[in-house]
């Protein structure tokens, strides 16, 4: 995988907030990969929703609906 859009420190903090006592470097790398894949799918769906509504601007409601749709699968 190419360079990540997410920084390792931020991903580490997310995992710590989720309750992890310790976080391995391999877990950070894998979590970054998963976040990017999921984020890309949600973003693509949000763009599709905005386009369907006749807009070029993606709004928060598009993101919320896209995330709900993607995460329910």
Protein backbone atom coordinates (compact mmCIF):
# COMPACT_ATOMS: atom_id res chain seq x y z
CA UNK A 1 0.00 0.00 0.00
CA UNK A 2 1.21 3.50 -0.73
CA UNK A 3 1.59 6.28 1.79
CA UNK A 4 -1.35 6.60 4.15
CA UNK A 5 -3.64 9.59 4.46
CA UNK A 6 -3.76 8.97 8.22
CA UNK A 7 -0.91 9.62 10.61
CA UNK A 8 0.23 6.81 12.88
CA UNK A 9 -0.07 8.94 16.01
CA UNK A 10 -3.73 9.72 15.33
CA UNK A 11 -4.54 6.08 14.65
CA UNK A 12 -2.70 5.09 17.83
CA UNK A 13 -4.81 7.58 19.82
CA UNK A 14 -8.03 6.21 18.34
CA UNK A 15 -7.10 2.67 19.39
CA UNK A 16 -6.14 3.90 22.87
CA UNK A 17 -9.48 5.73 23.18
CA UNK A 18 -11.18 2.48 22.18
CA UNK A 19 -9.67 0.90 25.27
CA UNK A 20 -6.44 -0.72 24.08
CA UNK A 21 -3.79 -0.83 26.78
CA UNK A 22 -1.03 -1.51 24.27
CA UNK A 23 -1.00 -1.14 20.50
CA UNK A 24 1.43 -2.91 18.20
CA UNK A 25 2.95 -1.20 15.17
CA UNK A 26 1.41 -3.85 12.93
CA UNK A 27 -2.04 -3.06 14.38
CA UNK A 28 -1.58 0.64 13.60
CA UNK A 29 -0.61 -0.14 10.00
CA UNK A 30 -3.55 -2.50 9.51
CA UNK A 31 -6.03 -0.12 11.15
CA UNK A 32 -4.83 2.69 8.87
CA UNK A 33 -5.44 0.44 5.86
CA UNK A 34 -8.95 -0.46 7.05
CA UNK A 35 -9.83 3.18 7.81
CA UNK A 36 -8.71 4.29 4.37
CA UNK A 37 -10.65 1.56 2.59
CA UNK A 38 -13.80 2.29 4.59
CA UNK A 39 -13.37 6.06 4.22
CA UNK A 40 -12.98 5.74 0.46
CA UNK A 41 -16.16 3.65 0.17
CA UNK A 42 -18.11 6.14 2.29
CA UNK A 43 -16.72 9.07 0.31
CA UNK A 44 -17.64 7.49 -3.01
CA UNK A 45 -21.18 6.80 -1.81
CA UNK A 46 -21.50 10.37 -0.47
CA UNK A 47 -20.43 11.79 -3.84
CA UNK A 48 -22.99 9.54 -5.53
CA UNK A 49 -25.72 10.78 -3.16
CA UNK A 50 -24.81 14.44 -3.75
CA UNK A 51 -24.78 13.90 -7.51
CA UNK A 52 -28.16 12.17 -7.37
CA UNK A 53 -29.52 15.21 -5.52
CA UNK A 54 -28.21 17.47 -8.30
CA UNK A 55 -25.38 18.91 -6.22
CA UNK A 56 -21.63 19.02 -6.73
CA UNK A 57 -21.11 19.78 -3.05
CA UNK A 58 -20.95 16.86 -0.63
CA UNK A 59 -22.73 17.77 2.60
CA UNK A 60 -22.64 16.31 6.09
CA UNK A 61 -26.00 14.61 5.50
CA UNK A 62 -24.50 12.80 2.49
CA UNK A 63 -21.65 11.52 4.64
CA UNK A 64 -24.00 10.39 7.41
CA UNK A 65 -26.31 8.56 5.01
CA UNK A 66 -23.39 7.03 3.10
CA UNK A 67 -21.78 5.80 6.33
CA UNK A 68 -25.07 4.32 7.50
CA UNK A 69 -25.54 2.58 4.16
CA UNK A 70 -21.98 1.22 4.00
CA UNK A 71 -21.80 0.12 7.63
CA UNK A 72 -25.13 -1.73 7.48
CA UNK A 73 -23.82 -4.10 4.79
